């Protein structure tokens, strides 16, 4: 699951007499002198501008999982762009390396937010994207990144997080949040403290931010990631029901905010 793609190619889907193709591309861009490699997916049979979705990877880096989520979104008619938060498309399968890589980003909030903003700029600048209809989704570290992006006042319609740490915004940051927010959380997730959840929700409630908090009973961390328990980290496990339900809730949010 965590292996890098060796080559990028168009994936062709046929439906009846018509043919549609989900096109995937590596996109080179940069932030503050650091070269970044994003991943773009869209259906080239759709000619009009359409909503865009920024996808932010887990702490493993921009691996096949994040790319597969982009492809799923493209099949549904969105333009999906997976941001590279580490630089040069770096990924890892080792928890210690992942911890170091996320730490280097999280320790400087300006870099953290700046790299996310750079990815958002790439997505909004695409000719087939309706720049007024943009959402951001993220998994684990990626969900926290989407929240950090929202705290900057970024022009987003929706944010959805999945098994993400929930950084507490300042009062002004909470008031700056523009998108509707969906938080999908495993109620038995030992990686996310109850105190941090209370602090996060208290800040958003105090600012009057529109958000939905969904907690799945007996579900632990990484519940959307098939094979999550293969890395032998206690408290990480895939949950098919929670994965499918959270995806449906995300799509309902998109229909409400993006019109699709």
C-alpha atoms as a PDB file:
ATOM      1  CA  UNK A   1       0.000   0.000   0.000  1.00  0.00           C
ATOM      2  CA  UNK A   2       2.788   2.377   0.842  1.00  0.00           C
ATOM      3  CA  UNK A   3       4.915   1.700  -2.217  1.00  0.00           C
ATOM      4  CA  UNK A   4       5.535   4.605  -4.548  1.00  0.00           C
ATOM      5  CA  UNK A   5       4.115   4.518  -8.022  1.00  0.00           C
ATOM      6  CA  UNK A   6       6.913   3.697 -10.477  1.00  0.00           C
ATOM      7  CA  UNK A   7       5.212   5.335 -13.436  1.00  0.00           C
ATOM      8  CA  UNK A   8       2.198   7.549 -13.986  1.00  0.00           C
ATOM      9  CA  UNK A   9      -0.264   6.669 -16.696  1.00  0.00           C
ATOM     10  CA  UNK A  10      -3.791   7.455 -17.743  1.00  0.00           C
ATOM     11  CA  UNK A  11      -6.320   4.977 -16.426  1.00  0.00           C
ATOM     12  CA  UNK A  12      -9.157   4.357 -18.835  1.00  0.00           C
ATOM     13  CA  UNK A  13     -12.687   3.552 -17.776  1.00  0.00           C
ATOM     14  CA  UNK A  14     -15.341   2.555 -20.322  1.00  0.00           C
ATOM     15  CA  UNK A  15     -19.056   3.008 -19.746  1.00  0.00           C
ATOM     16  CA  UNK A  16     -21.382   1.905 -22.518  1.00  0.00           C
ATOM     17  CA  UNK A  17     -20.518   3.477 -25.832  1.00  0.00           C
ATOM     18  CA  UNK A  18     -18.756   6.463 -24.292  1.00  0.00           C
ATOM     19  CA  UNK A  19     -15.201   6.517 -23.041  1.00  0.00           C
ATOM     20  CA  UNK A  20     -13.907   8.606 -20.178  1.00  0.00           C
ATOM     21  CA  UNK A  21     -10.340   8.738 -18.936  1.00  0.00           C
ATOM     22  CA  UNK A  22      -9.008   9.649 -15.526  1.00  0.00           C
ATOM     23  CA  UNK A  23      -5.714  11.352 -16.262  1.00  0.00           C
ATOM     24  CA  UNK A  24      -2.986  11.482 -13.633  1.00  0.00           C
ATOM     25  CA  UNK A  25       0.075  13.709 -13.648  1.00  0.00           C
ATOM     26  CA  UNK A  26       2.966  14.639 -11.408  1.00  0.00           C
ATOM     27  CA  UNK A  27       3.071  18.418 -10.959  1.00  0.00           C
ATOM     28  CA  UNK A  28       6.330  20.148 -10.053  1.00  0.00           C
ATOM     29  CA  UNK A  29       6.091  23.339  -8.008  1.00  0.00           C
ATOM     30  CA  UNK A  30       7.915  24.900  -5.074  1.00  0.00           C
ATOM     31  CA  UNK A  31       7.608  26.832  -1.856  1.00  0.00           C
ATOM     32  CA  UNK A  32      10.361  28.919  -0.300  1.00  0.00           C
ATOM     33  CA  UNK A  33      12.992  27.286  -2.490  1.00  0.00           C
ATOM     34  CA  UNK A  34      11.903  23.716  -1.723  1.00  0.00           C
ATOM     35  CA  UNK A  35      10.940  21.638  -4.760  1.00  0.00           C
ATOM     36  CA  UNK A  36       7.609  19.874  -4.360  1.00  0.00           C
ATOM     37  CA  UNK A  37       5.938  17.141  -6.404  1.00  0.00           C
ATOM     38  CA  UNK A  38       2.156  17.103  -6.291  1.00  0.00           C
ATOM     39  CA  UNK A  39      -0.207  14.589  -7.861  1.00  0.00           C
ATOM     40  CA  UNK A  40      -3.088  15.631 -10.105  1.00  0.00           C
ATOM     41  CA  UNK A  41      -6.087  13.537 -11.185  1.00  0.00           C
ATOM     42  CA  UNK A  42      -9.081  14.508 -13.310  1.00  0.00           C
ATOM     43  CA  UNK A  43     -11.521  13.064 -15.829  1.00  0.00           C
ATOM     44  CA  UNK A  44     -10.658  14.526 -19.229  1.00  0.00           C
ATOM     45  CA  UNK A  45     -14.120  13.675 -20.579  1.00  0.00           C
ATOM     46  CA  UNK A  46     -15.511  16.525 -18.467  1.00  0.00           C
ATOM     47  CA  UNK A  47     -14.966  19.725 -20.422  1.00  0.00           C
ATOM     48  CA  UNK A  48     -16.455  22.397 -18.202  1.00  0.00           C
ATOM     49  CA  UNK A  49     -14.791  23.809 -15.108  1.00  0.00           C
ATOM     50  CA  UNK A  50     -15.526  21.773 -12.029  1.00  0.00           C
ATOM     51  CA  UNK A  51     -14.895  21.846  -8.261  1.00  0.00           C
ATOM     52  CA  UNK A  52     -11.396  21.141  -7.012  1.00  0.00           C
ATOM     53  CA  UNK A  53     -10.365  19.076  -4.003  1.00  0.00           C
ATOM     54  CA  UNK A  54      -7.009  19.463  -2.280  1.00  0.00           C
ATOM     55  CA  UNK A  55      -5.872  16.152  -0.775  1.00  0.00           C
ATOM     56  CA  UNK A  56      -3.255  16.114   1.988  1.00  0.00           C
ATOM     57  CA  UNK A  57      -1.390  12.911   2.777  1.00  0.00           C
ATOM     58  CA  UNK A  58      -0.722  11.095   6.038  1.00  0.00           C
ATOM     59  CA  UNK A  59       2.617  11.250   7.801  1.00  0.00           C
ATOM     60  CA  UNK A  60       3.978   8.636   5.363  1.00  0.00           C
ATOM     61  CA  UNK A  61       4.156  11.238   2.603  1.00  0.00           C
ATOM     62  CA  UNK A  62       2.424  11.428  -0.760  1.00  0.00           C
ATOM     63  CA  UNK A  63       2.113   7.689  -1.270  1.00  0.00           C
ATOM     64  CA  UNK A  64      -0.229   5.462  -3.256  1.00  0.00           C
ATOM     65  CA  UNK A  65      -3.016   5.804  -0.700  1.00  0.00           C
ATOM     66  CA  UNK A  66      -3.336   9.568  -1.168  1.00  0.00           C
ATOM     67  CA  UNK A  67      -3.055   9.144  -4.930  1.00  0.00           C
ATOM     68  CA  UNK A  68      -5.798   6.526  -4.943  1.00  0.00           C
ATOM     69  CA  UNK A  69      -8.092   8.913  -3.084  1.00  0.00           C
ATOM     70  CA  UNK A  70      -7.385  11.506  -5.763  1.00  0.00           C
ATOM     71  CA  UNK A  71      -8.355   9.029  -8.464  1.00  0.00           C
ATOM     72  CA  UNK A  72     -11.609   8.188  -6.685  1.00  0.00           C
ATOM     73  CA  UNK A  73     -12.476  11.877  -6.544  1.00  0.00           C
ATOM     74  CA  UNK A  74     -11.603  12.310 -10.213  1.00  0.00           C
ATOM     75  CA  UNK A  75     -13.960   9.471 -11.131  1.00  0.00           C
ATOM     76  CA  UNK A  76     -16.713  11.434  -9.392  1.00  0.00           C
ATOM     77  CA  UNK A  77     -16.052  14.513 -11.498  1.00  0.00           C
ATOM     78  CA  UNK A  78     -13.759  16.561  -9.260  1.00  0.00           C
ATOM     79  CA  UNK A  79     -10.268  17.776 -10.043  1.00  0.00           C
ATOM     80  CA  UNK A  80      -8.125  16.379  -7.235  1.00  0.00           C
ATOM     81  CA  UNK A  81      -4.651  17.612  -6.357  1.00  0.00           C
ATOM     82  CA  UNK A  82      -2.539  15.919  -3.695  1.00  0.00           C
ATOM     83  CA  UNK A  83      -0.087  18.330  -2.130  1.00  0.00           C
ATOM     84  CA  UNK A  84       3.493  17.346  -1.277  1.00  0.00           C
ATOM     85  CA  UNK A  85       4.212  18.467   2.278  1.00  0.00           C
ATOM     86  CA  UNK A  86       7.744  17.043   2.533  1.00  0.00           C
ATOM     87  CA  UNK A  87       9.458  18.040  -0.686  1.00  0.00           C
ATOM     88  CA  UNK A  88      10.659  16.083  -3.709  1.00  0.00           C
ATOM     89  CA  UNK A  89       7.794  13.631  -3.245  1.00  0.00           C
ATOM     90  CA  UNK A  90       9.504  11.961  -0.276  1.00  0.00           C
ATOM     91  CA  UNK A  91       7.708   9.016   1.323  1.00  0.00           C
ATOM     92  CA  UNK A  92       8.568   6.445   3.946  1.00  0.00           C
ATOM     93  CA  UNK A  93       7.219   3.195   5.333  1.00  0.00           C
ATOM     94  CA  UNK A  94       9.091   3.495   8.642  1.00  0.00           C
ATOM     95  CA  UNK A  95       7.290   5.151  11.586  1.00  0.00           C
ATOM     96  CA  UNK A  96      10.459   6.744  12.976  1.00  0.00           C
ATOM     97  CA  UNK A  97      11.187   8.410   9.647  1.00  0.00           C
ATOM     98  CA  UNK A  98       7.570   9.522   9.331  1.00  0.00           C
ATOM     99  CA  UNK A  99       7.706  11.051  12.800  1.00  0.00           C
ATOM    100  CA  UNK A 100      10.839  13.011  11.888  1.00  0.00           C
ATOM    101  CA  UNK A 101       9.401  14.185   8.574  1.00  0.00           C
ATOM    102  CA  UNK A 102       6.172  15.457  10.104  1.00  0.00           C
ATOM    103  CA  UNK A 103       8.103  17.010  12.958  1.00  0.00           C
ATOM    104  CA  UNK A 104      10.209  19.095  10.597  1.00  0.00           C
ATOM    105  CA  UNK A 105       7.047  20.523   9.070  1.00  0.00           C
ATOM    106  CA  UNK A 106       4.983  20.950  12.225  1.00  0.00           C
ATOM    107  CA  UNK A 107       7.739  22.726  14.157  1.00  0.00           C
ATOM    108  CA  UNK A 108       7.430  25.755  11.866  1.00  0.00           C
ATOM    109  CA  UNK A 109       3.784  26.694  11.399  1.00  0.00           C
ATOM    110  CA  UNK A 110       4.655  29.162   8.629  1.00  0.00           C
ATOM    111  CA  UNK A 111       6.267  26.375   6.600  1.00  0.00           C
ATOM    112  CA  UNK A 112       3.403  24.028   7.479  1.00  0.00           C
ATOM    113  CA  UNK A 113       0.763  26.446   6.288  1.00  0.00           C
ATOM    114  CA  UNK A 114       2.882  27.813   3.467  1.00  0.00           C
ATOM    115  CA  UNK A 115       3.346  24.448   1.780  1.00  0.00           C
ATOM    116  CA  UNK A 116      -0.377  23.786   2.035  1.00  0.00           C
ATOM    117  CA  UNK A 117      -1.115  27.210   0.559  1.00  0.00           C
ATOM    118  CA  UNK A 118       1.315  26.519  -2.289  1.00  0.00           C
ATOM    119  CA  UNK A 119      -0.613  23.366  -3.141  1.00  0.00           C
ATOM    120  CA  UNK A 120      -3.897  25.238  -2.974  1.00  0.00           C
ATOM    121  CA  UNK A 121      -2.517  27.844  -5.358  1.00  0.00           C
ATOM    122  CA  UNK A 122      -1.596  25.105  -7.829  1.00  0.00           C
ATOM    123  CA  UNK A 123      -5.088  23.636  -7.689  1.00  0.00           C
ATOM    124  CA  UNK A 124      -6.868  26.967  -8.058  1.00  0.00           C
ATOM    125  CA  UNK A 125      -4.696  27.908 -11.024  1.00  0.00           C
ATOM    126  CA  UNK A 126      -5.690  24.908 -13.129  1.00  0.00           C
ATOM    127  CA  UNK A 127      -7.757  25.829 -16.208  1.00  0.00           C
ATOM    128  CA  UNK A 128     -10.350  23.113 -15.571  1.00  0.00           C
ATOM    129  CA  UNK A 129     -10.996  24.126 -11.952  1.00  0.00           C
ATOM    130  CA  UNK A 130     -13.700  26.453 -10.682  1.00  0.00           C
ATOM    131  CA  UNK A 131     -11.633  28.459  -8.230  1.00  0.00           C
ATOM    132  CA  UNK A 132     -14.723  29.463  -6.270  1.00  0.00           C
ATOM    133  CA  UNK A 133     -15.541  25.843  -5.449  1.00  0.00           C
ATOM    134  CA  UNK A 134     -12.621  24.340  -3.568  1.00  0.00           C
ATOM    135  CA  UNK A 135     -12.522  21.816  -0.724  1.00  0.00           C
ATOM    136  CA  UNK A 136      -9.630  20.332   1.230  1.00  0.00           C
ATOM    137  CA  UNK A 137      -9.453  16.875   2.776  1.00  0.00           C
ATOM    138  CA  UNK A 138      -6.734  15.210   4.777  1.00  0.00           C
ATOM    139  CA  UNK A 139      -5.831  12.063   6.633  1.00  0.00           C
ATOM    140  CA  UNK A 140      -4.023  12.010   9.977  1.00  0.00           C
ATOM    141  CA  UNK A 141      -1.263  14.658   9.591  1.00  0.00           C
ATOM    142  CA  UNK A 142      -3.033  15.736   6.410  1.00  0.00           C
ATOM    143  CA  UNK A 143      -6.239  16.490   8.267  1.00  0.00           C
ATOM    144  CA  UNK A 144      -4.335  18.670  10.728  1.00  0.00           C
ATOM    145  CA  UNK A 145      -2.791  20.422   7.732  1.00  0.00           C
ATOM    146  CA  UNK A 146      -6.218  21.165   6.267  1.00  0.00           C
ATOM    147  CA  UNK A 147      -7.253  22.742   9.553  1.00  0.00           C
ATOM    148  CA  UNK A 148      -4.094  24.851   9.637  1.00  0.00           C
ATOM    149  CA  UNK A 149      -4.942  26.004   6.128  1.00  0.00           C
ATOM    150  CA  UNK A 150      -8.463  26.934   7.210  1.00  0.00           C
ATOM    151  CA  UNK A 151      -7.044  28.903  10.166  1.00  0.00           C
ATOM    152  CA  UNK A 152      -5.315  31.238   7.689  1.00  0.00           C
ATOM    153  CA  UNK A 153      -8.668  32.323   6.269  1.00  0.00           C
ATOM    154  CA  UNK A 154      -8.095  30.370   3.053  1.00  0.00           C
ATOM    155  CA  UNK A 155     -10.913  30.631   0.542  1.00  0.00           C
ATOM    156  CA  UNK A 156     -12.325  27.131   0.905  1.00  0.00           C
ATOM    157  CA  UNK A 157     -15.916  25.913   0.847  1.00  0.00           C
ATOM    158  CA  UNK A 158     -15.363  22.699   2.791  1.00  0.00           C
ATOM    159  CA  UNK A 159     -12.768  20.887   4.888  1.00  0.00           C
ATOM    160  CA  UNK A 160     -12.977  17.223   5.850  1.00  0.00           C
ATOM    161  CA  UNK A 161     -10.546  15.515   8.202  1.00  0.00           C
ATOM    162  CA  UNK A 162     -10.150  11.821   8.908  1.00  0.00           C
ATOM    163  CA  UNK A 163      -8.434  10.434  12.047  1.00  0.00           C
ATOM    164  CA  UNK A 164      -6.580  13.731  12.396  1.00  0.00           C
ATOM    165  CA  UNK A 165      -5.001  15.510  15.319  1.00  0.00           C
ATOM    166  CA  UNK A 166      -6.991  18.670  15.973  1.00  0.00           C
ATOM    167  CA  UNK A 167      -4.720  21.681  16.563  1.00  0.00           C
ATOM    168  CA  UNK A 168      -6.462  24.339  18.608  1.00  0.00           C
ATOM    169  CA  UNK A 169      -6.829  27.650  16.762  1.00  0.00           C
ATOM    170  CA  UNK A 170      -6.481  30.999  18.449  1.00  0.00           C
ATOM    171  CA  UNK A 171      -9.649  33.034  18.789  1.00  0.00           C
ATOM    172  CA  UNK A 172      -8.812  35.078  15.702  1.00  0.00           C
ATOM    173  CA  UNK A 173      -7.893  31.962  13.719  1.00  0.00           C
ATOM    174  CA  UNK A 174     -11.170  30.292  14.617  1.00  0.00           C
ATOM    175  CA  UNK A 175     -13.075  33.366  13.462  1.00  0.00           C
ATOM    176  CA  UNK A 176     -11.126  33.334  10.182  1.00  0.00           C
ATOM    177  CA  UNK A 177     -12.392  29.855   9.225  1.00  0.00           C
ATOM    178  CA  UNK A 178     -14.523  30.131   6.084  1.00  0.00           C
ATOM    179  CA  UNK A 179     -15.365  26.534   5.105  1.00  0.00           C
ATOM    180  CA  UNK A 180     -17.839  24.163   6.659  1.00  0.00           C
ATOM    181  CA  UNK A 181     -15.793  21.612   8.573  1.00  0.00           C
ATOM    182  CA  UNK A 182     -16.365  17.865   8.902  1.00  0.00           C
ATOM    183  CA  UNK A 183     -14.282  15.970  11.455  1.00  0.00           C
ATOM    184  CA  UNK A 184     -14.411  12.165  11.218  1.00  0.00           C
ATOM    185  CA  UNK A 185     -12.863  10.639  14.320  1.00  0.00           C
ATOM    186  CA  UNK A 186     -12.443   7.182  15.806  1.00  0.00           C
ATOM    187  CA  UNK A 187     -13.946   7.277  19.291  1.00  0.00           C
ATOM    188  CA  UNK A 188     -11.325   4.765  20.469  1.00  0.00           C
ATOM    189  CA  UNK A 189      -8.394   6.628  18.871  1.00  0.00           C
ATOM    190  CA  UNK A 190      -5.667   6.766  21.520  1.00  0.00           C
ATOM    191  CA  UNK A 191      -3.493   9.060  19.393  1.00  0.00           C
ATOM    192  CA  UNK A 192      -5.904  11.982  19.817  1.00  0.00           C
ATOM    193  CA  UNK A 193      -6.399  13.120  23.405  1.00  0.00           C
ATOM    194  CA  UNK A 194      -9.803  14.041  24.784  1.00  0.00           C
ATOM    195  CA  UNK A 195      -8.334  17.305  26.062  1.00  0.00           C
ATOM    196  CA  UNK A 196      -7.229  18.298  22.555  1.00  0.00           C
ATOM    197  CA  UNK A 197     -10.684  17.478  21.194  1.00  0.00           C
ATOM    198  CA  UNK A 198     -12.374  19.583  23.869  1.00  0.00           C
ATOM    199  CA  UNK A 199      -9.997  22.488  23.220  1.00  0.00           C
ATOM    200  CA  UNK A 200     -10.576  22.302  19.465  1.00  0.00           C
ATOM    201  CA  UNK A 201     -14.350  22.102  19.730  1.00  0.00           C
ATOM    202  CA  UNK A 202     -14.440  24.829  22.346  1.00  0.00           C
ATOM    203  CA  UNK A 203     -12.517  27.195  20.069  1.00  0.00           C
ATOM    204  CA  UNK A 204     -14.809  26.524  17.104  1.00  0.00           C
ATOM    205  CA  UNK A 205     -17.953  26.757  19.220  1.00  0.00           C
ATOM    206  CA  UNK A 206     -16.749  30.060  20.624  1.00  0.00           C
ATOM    207  CA  UNK A 207     -16.252  31.450  17.128  1.00  0.00           C
ATOM    208  CA  UNK A 208     -19.575  30.159  15.852  1.00  0.00           C
ATOM    209  CA  UNK A 209     -17.854  28.030  13.216  1.00  0.00           C
ATOM    210  CA  UNK A 210     -20.045  25.589  11.326  1.00  0.00           C
ATOM    211  CA  UNK A 211     -18.731  22.074  11.805  1.00  0.00           C
ATOM    212  CA  UNK A 212     -19.823  18.477  12.261  1.00  0.00           C
ATOM    213  CA  UNK A 213     -17.946  16.140  14.567  1.00  0.00           C
ATOM    214  CA  UNK A 214     -18.539  12.450  13.879  1.00  0.00           C
ATOM    215  CA  UNK A 215     -17.122   9.895  16.323  1.00  0.00           C
ATOM    216  CA  UNK A 216     -17.251   6.229  15.335  1.00  0.00           C
ATOM    217  CA  UNK A 217     -17.756   3.910  18.303  1.00  0.00           C
ATOM    218  CA  UNK A 218     -14.946   1.411  18.971  1.00  0.00           C
ATOM    219  CA  UNK A 219     -12.985   2.688  15.950  1.00  0.00           C
ATOM    220  CA  UNK A 220      -9.278   3.482  16.278  1.00  0.00           C
ATOM    221  CA  UNK A 221      -6.700   5.498  14.349  1.00  0.00           C
ATOM    222  CA  UNK A 222      -6.175   5.172  10.571  1.00  0.00           C
ATOM    223  CA  UNK A 223      -9.644   3.711  10.076  1.00  0.00           C
ATOM    224  CA  UNK A 224      -9.785   4.750   6.401  1.00  0.00           C
ATOM    225  CA  UNK A 225      -6.517   3.043   5.460  1.00  0.00           C
ATOM    226  CA  UNK A 226      -6.727  -0.606   4.335  1.00  0.00           C
ATOM    227  CA  UNK A 227      -3.886  -2.577   5.887  1.00  0.00           C
ATOM    228  CA  UNK A 228      -3.186   0.101   8.493  1.00  0.00           C
ATOM    229  CA  UNK A 229      -2.346  -2.506  11.117  1.00  0.00           C
ATOM    230  CA  UNK A 230       0.388  -3.976   8.901  1.00  0.00           C
ATOM    231  CA  UNK A 231       2.897  -1.440  10.243  1.00  0.00           C
ATOM    232  CA  UNK A 232       2.570  -2.974  13.725  1.00  0.00           C
ATOM    233  CA  UNK A 233       1.728   0.234  15.536  1.00  0.00           C
ATOM    234  CA  UNK A 234      -0.746  -0.429  18.334  1.00  0.00           C
ATOM    235  CA  UNK A 235      -3.999   1.461  17.916  1.00  0.00           C
ATOM    236  CA  UNK A 236      -4.047   1.633  14.118  1.00  0.00           C
ATOM    237  CA  UNK A 237      -6.596  -0.454  12.214  1.00  0.00           C
ATOM    238  CA  UNK A 238      -8.784  -0.210   9.131  1.00  0.00           C
ATOM    239  CA  UNK A 239     -12.551  -0.129   9.651  1.00  0.00           C
ATOM    240  CA  UNK A 240     -14.551  -0.669   6.474  1.00  0.00           C
ATOM    241  CA  UNK A 241     -17.845   0.641   7.836  1.00  0.00           C
ATOM    242  CA  UNK A 242     -16.296   3.840   9.204  1.00  0.00           C
ATOM    243  CA  UNK A 243     -14.291   4.368   6.019  1.00  0.00           C
ATOM    244  CA  UNK A 244     -17.355   4.053   3.807  1.00  0.00           C
ATOM    245  CA  UNK A 245     -19.604   6.133   6.053  1.00  0.00           C
ATOM    246  CA  UNK A 246     -17.074   8.948   6.427  1.00  0.00           C
ATOM    247  CA  UNK A 247     -16.594   9.026   2.648  1.00  0.00           C
ATOM    248  CA  UNK A 248     -20.367   9.329   2.163  1.00  0.00           C
ATOM    249  CA  UNK A 249     -20.536  12.135   4.698  1.00  0.00           C
ATOM    250  CA  UNK A 250     -17.714  13.926   2.899  1.00  0.00           C
ATOM    251  CA  UNK A 251     -19.542  13.646  -0.428  1.00  0.00           C
ATOM    252  CA  UNK A 252     -22.723  14.984   1.185  1.00  0.00           C
ATOM    253  CA  UNK A 253     -20.708  17.954   2.444  1.00  0.00           C
ATOM    254  CA  UNK A 254     -19.369  18.520  -1.072  1.00  0.00           C
ATOM    255  CA  UNK A 255     -22.845  18.429  -2.572  1.00  0.00           C
ATOM    256  CA  UNK A 256     -23.988  21.000  -0.039  1.00  0.00           C
ATOM    257  CA  UNK A 257     -21.010  23.337  -0.431  1.00  0.00           C
ATOM    258  CA  UNK A 258     -19.677  22.697  -3.942  1.00  0.00           C
ATOM    259  CA  UNK A 259     -22.950  21.881  -5.668  1.00  0.00           C
ATOM    260  CA  UNK A 260     -21.692  18.504  -6.860  1.00  0.00           C
END
